[in-house]
C-alpha atoms as a PDB file:
ATOM      1  CA  MET A   1     150.433  72.617 412.405  1.00  0.00           C
ATOM      2  CA  ARG A   2     149.886  74.972 409.484  1.00  0.00           C
ATOM      3  CA  GLN A   3     151.696  72.536 407.149  1.00  0.00           C
ATOM      4  CA  TRP A   4     149.294  69.722 408.145  1.00  0.00           C
ATOM      5  CA  VAL A   5     146.258  71.908 407.498  1.00  0.00           C
ATOM      6  CA  ARG A   6     147.567  72.730 404.007  1.00  0.00           C
ATOM      7  CA  ARG A   7     148.274  69.084 403.288  1.00  0.00           C
ATOM      8  CA  LEU A   8     144.832  68.067 404.519  1.00  0.00           C
ATOM      9  CA  LYS A   9     143.196  70.720 402.336  1.00  0.00           C
ATOM     10  CA  GLY A  10     145.262  69.520 399.375  1.00  0.00           C
ATOM     11  CA  ALA A  11     144.288  65.889 399.999  1.00  0.00           C
ATOM     12  CA  LEU A  12     140.607  66.809 400.216  1.00  0.00           C
ATOM     13  CA  GLY A  13     140.925  68.878 397.040  1.00  0.00           C
ATOM     14  CA  ILE A  14     142.489  65.974 395.148  1.00  0.00           C
ATOM     15  CA  GLY A  15     139.846  63.624 396.562  1.00  0.00           C
ATOM     16  CA  LEU A  16     137.045  65.917 395.409  1.00  0.00           C
ATOM     17  CA  LEU A  17     138.636  66.361 391.982  1.00  0.00           C
ATOM     18  CA  TRP A  18     138.991  62.620 391.533  1.00  0.00           C
ATOM     19  CA  GLY A  19     135.491  62.014 392.898  1.00  0.00           C
ATOM     20  CA  ALA A  20     133.998  64.452 390.381  1.00  0.00           C
ATOM     21  CA  THR A  21     135.976  62.876 387.540  1.00  0.00           C
ATOM     22  CA  TRP A  22     134.981  59.341 388.460  1.00  0.00           C
ATOM     23  CA  PHE A  23     131.379  60.525 388.972  1.00  0.00           C
ATOM     24  CA  GLY A  24     131.420  61.665 385.334  1.00  0.00           C
ATOM     25  CA  ALA A  25     132.799  58.289 384.229  1.00  0.00           C
ATOM     26  CA  GLY A  26     130.039  56.538 386.170  1.00  0.00           C
ATOM     27  CA  LEU A  27     127.461  58.792 384.557  1.00  0.00           C
ATOM     28  CA  LEU A  28     128.732  57.856 381.101  1.00  0.00           C
ATOM     29  CA  LEU A  29     128.631  54.164 382.040  1.00  0.00           C
ATOM     30  CA  MET A  30     125.076  54.486 383.357  1.00  0.00           C
ATOM     31  CA  VAL A  31     123.871  56.278 380.214  1.00  0.00           C
ATOM     32  CA  GLY A  32     125.568  53.656 378.036  1.00  0.00           C
ATOM     33  CA  ALA A  33     123.960  50.826 379.992  1.00  0.00           C
ATOM     34  CA  LEU A  34     120.554  52.487 379.750  1.00  0.00           C
ATOM     35  CA  LEU A  35     120.885  52.953 375.994  1.00  0.00           C
ATOM     36  CA  LEU A  36     122.125  49.408 375.354  1.00  0.00           C
ATOM     37  CA  THR A  37     120.006  47.378 377.755  1.00  0.00           C
ATOM     38  CA  GLY A  38     117.263  49.696 378.990  1.00  0.00           C
ATOM     39  CA  SER A  39     118.403  49.149 382.590  1.00  0.00           C
ATOM     40  CA  THR A  40     121.535  49.733 384.612  1.00  0.00           C
ATOM     41  CA  GLY A  41     121.158  46.568 386.675  1.00  0.00           C
ATOM     42  CA  ALA A  42     123.105  48.084 389.565  1.00  0.00           C
ATOM     43  CA  ASP A  43     122.177  48.281 393.237  1.00  0.00           C
ATOM     44  CA  VAL A  44     123.990  51.602 393.638  1.00  0.00           C
ATOM     45  CA  PRO A  45     123.771  54.123 390.797  1.00  0.00           C
ATOM     46  CA  TYR A  46     127.067  54.119 388.902  1.00  0.00           C
ATOM     47  CA  PRO A  47     127.806  57.843 389.292  1.00  0.00           C
ATOM     48  CA  ILE A  48     127.445  57.727 393.082  1.00  0.00           C
ATOM     49  CA  GLY A  49     129.461  54.526 393.459  1.00  0.00           C
ATOM     50  CA  PHE A  50     132.202  55.693 391.122  1.00  0.00           C
ATOM     51  CA  GLY A  51     132.264  59.133 392.772  1.00  0.00           C
ATOM     52  CA  ILE A  52     132.807  57.610 396.216  1.00  0.00           C
ATOM     53  CA  LEU A  53     135.509  55.291 394.886  1.00  0.00           C
ATOM     54  CA  GLY A  54     137.179  58.206 393.109  1.00  0.00           C
ATOM     55  CA  PHE A  55     137.164  60.280 396.285  1.00  0.00           C
ATOM     56  CA  VAL A  56     138.724  57.469 398.316  1.00  0.00           C
ATOM     57  CA  GLY A  57     141.215  56.787 395.525  1.00  0.00           C
ATOM     58  CA  GLY A  58     142.162  60.469 395.416  1.00  0.00           C
ATOM     59  CA  LEU A  59     142.775  60.497 399.163  1.00  0.00           C
ATOM     60  CA  GLY A  60     144.945  57.378 398.845  1.00  0.00           C
ATOM     61  CA  PHE A  61     146.864  58.893 395.945  1.00  0.00           C
ATOM     62  CA  SER A  62     147.385  62.079 397.926  1.00  0.00           C
ATOM     63  CA  GLY A  63     148.810  60.042 400.798  1.00  0.00           C
ATOM     64  CA  LEU A  64     151.184  58.219 398.438  1.00  0.00           C
ATOM     65  CA  LEU A  65     152.208  61.512 396.888  1.00  0.00           C
ATOM     66  CA  GLY A  66     152.870  62.973 400.308  1.00  0.00           C
ATOM     67  CA  VAL A  67     155.142  60.062 401.214  1.00  0.00           C
ATOM     68  CA  ILE A  68     156.959  59.585 397.901  1.00  0.00           C
ATOM     69  CA  GLY A  69     156.966  62.966 396.194  1.00  0.00           C
ATOM     70  CA  SER A  70     156.741  65.496 398.996  1.00  0.00           C
ATOM     71  CA  ARG A  71     160.256  66.846 398.476  1.00  0.00           C
ATOM     72  CA  ARG A  72     159.895  67.454 394.743  1.00  0.00           C
ATOM     73  CA  ARG A  73     158.498  70.406 392.860  1.00  0.00           C
ATOM     74  CA  PHE A  74     155.788  69.989 390.233  1.00  0.00           C
ATOM     75  CA  ASP A  75     158.232  70.760 387.426  1.00  0.00           C
ATOM     76  CA  GLU A  76     160.457  67.899 388.660  1.00  0.00           C
ATOM     77  CA  LEU A  77     157.663  65.323 388.529  1.00  0.00           C
ATOM     78  CA  SER A  78     157.310  63.358 385.308  1.00  0.00           C
ATOM     79  CA  MET A  79     153.900  62.622 383.846  1.00  0.00           C
ATOM     80  CA  PRO A  80     154.585  58.841 383.525  1.00  0.00           C
ATOM     81  CA  GLY A  81     155.846  58.672 387.109  1.00  0.00           C
ATOM     82  CA  PHE A  82     152.831  60.582 388.375  1.00  0.00           C
ATOM     83  CA  ALA A  83     150.508  58.292 386.392  1.00  0.00           C
ATOM     84  CA  ALA A  84     152.295  55.224 387.796  1.00  0.00           C
ATOM     85  CA  LEU A  85     151.754  56.585 391.291  1.00  0.00           C
ATOM     86  CA  GLY A  86     148.055  57.054 390.489  1.00  0.00           C
ATOM     87  CA  ALA A  87     147.857  53.501 389.110  1.00  0.00           C
ATOM     88  CA  THR A  88     149.475  52.205 392.306  1.00  0.00           C
ATOM     89  CA  GLY A  89     146.862  54.012 394.369  1.00  0.00           C
ATOM     90  CA  GLY A  90     144.124  52.583 392.158  1.00  0.00           C
ATOM     91  CA  ILE A  91     145.457  49.048 392.552  1.00  0.00           C
ATOM     92  CA  MET A  92     145.629  49.510 396.332  1.00  0.00           C
ATOM     93  CA  LEU A  93     141.999  50.640 396.278  1.00  0.00           C
ATOM     94  CA  ALA A  94     141.112  47.628 394.093  1.00  0.00           C
ATOM     95  CA  THR A  95     142.733  45.285 396.610  1.00  0.00           C
ATOM     96  CA  VAL A  96     140.699  46.729 399.480  1.00  0.00           C
ATOM     97  CA  PHE A  97     137.538  46.617 397.354  1.00  0.00           C
ATOM     98  CA  ALA A  98     138.161  42.990 396.314  1.00  0.00           C
ATOM     99  CA  LEU A  99     138.766  42.000 399.929  1.00  0.00           C
ATOM    100  CA  ALA A 100     135.502  43.678 400.950  1.00  0.00           C
ATOM    101  CA  THR A 101     133.384  42.135 398.196  1.00  0.00           C
ATOM    102  CA  SER A 102     134.556  38.524 397.987  1.00  0.00           C
ATOM    103  CA  SER A 103     135.886  35.670 400.070  1.00  0.00           C
ATOM    104  CA  VAL A 104     139.663  35.431 400.080  1.00  0.00           C
ATOM    105  CA  ASP A 105     139.937  31.661 399.802  1.00  0.00           C
ATOM    106  CA  GLY A 106     138.189  31.186 396.445  1.00  0.00           C
ATOM    107  CA  TRP A 107     138.837  32.018 392.814  1.00  0.00           C
ATOM    108  CA  GLU A 108     136.265  34.810 393.098  1.00  0.00           C
ATOM    109  CA  PHE A 109     138.736  37.018 395.002  1.00  0.00           C
ATOM    110  CA  TRP A 110     141.412  36.672 392.308  1.00  0.00           C
ATOM    111  CA  ALA A 111     138.916  37.299 389.527  1.00  0.00           C
ATOM    112  CA  ASN A 112     137.614  40.405 391.296  1.00  0.00           C
ATOM    113  CA  LEU A 113     141.127  41.604 392.093  1.00  0.00           C
ATOM    114  CA  THR A 114     142.192  41.241 388.463  1.00  0.00           C
ATOM    115  CA  GLY A 115     139.159  43.057 387.085  1.00  0.00           C
ATOM    116  CA  PHE A 116     139.136  45.801 389.702  1.00  0.00           C
ATOM    117  CA  SER A 117     142.903  46.329 389.432  1.00  0.00           C
ATOM    118  CA  ALA A 118     142.653  46.841 385.693  1.00  0.00           C
ATOM    119  CA  SER A 119     139.827  49.366 385.899  1.00  0.00           C
ATOM    120  CA  PHE A 120     140.869  51.153 389.103  1.00  0.00           C
ATOM    121  CA  GLY A 121     144.523  51.218 388.066  1.00  0.00           C
ATOM    122  CA  THR A 122     143.641  52.746 384.703  1.00  0.00           C
ATOM    123  CA  GLY A 123     141.282  55.229 386.324  1.00  0.00           C
ATOM    124  CA  GLY A 124     143.914  56.155 388.910  1.00  0.00           C
ATOM    125  CA  ALA A 125     146.590  56.670 386.258  1.00  0.00           C
ATOM    126  CA  LEU A 126     144.313  58.866 384.147  1.00  0.00           C
ATOM    127  CA  ALA A 127     143.143  60.873 387.147  1.00  0.00           C
ATOM    128  CA  ALA A 128     146.716  61.390 388.375  1.00  0.00           C
ATOM    129  CA  ALA A 129     147.923  62.520 384.960  1.00  0.00           C
ATOM    130  CA  GLY A 130     144.965  64.879 384.728  1.00  0.00           C
ATOM    131  CA  SER A 131     145.697  66.226 388.218  1.00  0.00           C
ATOM    132  CA  LEU A 132     149.315  66.993 387.299  1.00  0.00           C
ATOM    133  CA  ALA A 133     148.275  68.585 384.000  1.00  0.00           C
ATOM    134  CA  LEU A 134     145.716  70.717 385.831  1.00  0.00           C
ATOM    135  CA  ALA A 135     148.258  71.732 388.484  1.00  0.00           C
ATOM    136  CA  ARG A 136     150.740  72.725 385.813  1.00  0.00           C
ATOM    137  CA  ARG A 137     148.149  74.830 383.967  1.00  0.00           C
ATOM    138  CA  ALA A 138     146.898  76.515 387.131  1.00  0.00           C
ATOM    139  CA  THR A 139     150.268  78.023 387.968  1.00  0.00           C
ATOM    140  CA  THR A 140     152.696  80.183 386.069  1.00  0.00           C
ATOM    141  CA  PRO A 141     156.116  78.724 385.218  1.00  0.00           C
ATOM    142  CA  ASP A 142     157.791  81.001 387.789  1.00  0.00           C
ATOM    143  CA  GLU A 143     155.524  79.776 390.568  1.00  0.00           C
ATOM    144  CA  LEU A 144     155.939  76.195 389.391  1.00  0.00           C
ATOM    145  CA  ALA A 145     159.731  76.323 389.465  1.00  0.00           C
ATOM    146  CA  GLY A 146     159.931  77.460 393.075  1.00  0.00           C
ATOM    147  CA  ALA A 147     157.016  75.771 394.768  1.00  0.00           C
ATOM    148  CA  THR A 148     156.401  72.339 396.193  1.00  0.00           C
ATOM    149  CA  GLN A 149     152.958  70.768 396.286  1.00  0.00           C
ATOM    150  CA  GLY A 150     152.044  72.342 399.635  1.00  0.00           C
ATOM    151  CA  GLU A 151     153.253  75.826 398.753  1.00  0.00           C
ATOM    152  CA  LEU A 152     150.951  76.675 395.846  1.00  0.00           C
ATOM    153  CA  GLU A 153     148.573  78.698 397.935  1.00  0.00           C
ATOM    154  CA  PRO A 154     147.545  82.103 396.532  1.00  0.00           C
ATOM    155  CA  GLU A 155     148.937  85.194 398.242  1.00  0.00           C
ATOM    156  CA  ARG A 156     146.583  87.015 400.535  1.00  0.00           C
ATOM    157  CA  PRO A 157     146.504  90.812 400.851  1.00  0.00           C
END
């Protein structure tokens, strides 16, 4: 039971980290749209929409990581492999988003899937690489060599 609580806390932490990162990207997009056109033209403000998508993408990535990389230590994970896993999670999120926003039988679905996959896949890869870089900086090399993803909890007195 304790292992599941740690994994759930880790998944929520990754989701929040990704949500905050994607929120920042949405904020930059909104500011750029305001400067270029004078309006964002969006029903949902970009930062909020991107933040929600980032959170969901982070949860999906965490689930993939738990299935594929749960037996490896952080020092055994490669940055390109981690980024590919993040891109896979982003493409899975893009597929769900395209299914929710367009009809499946028309060209609109394929156009949306292509566009969303490119942006969500890139965002997922960047967020995953940033997550691994942050995890590697947050721990000392000794801790990193002997710990798996679920065991990097600080010691309590």
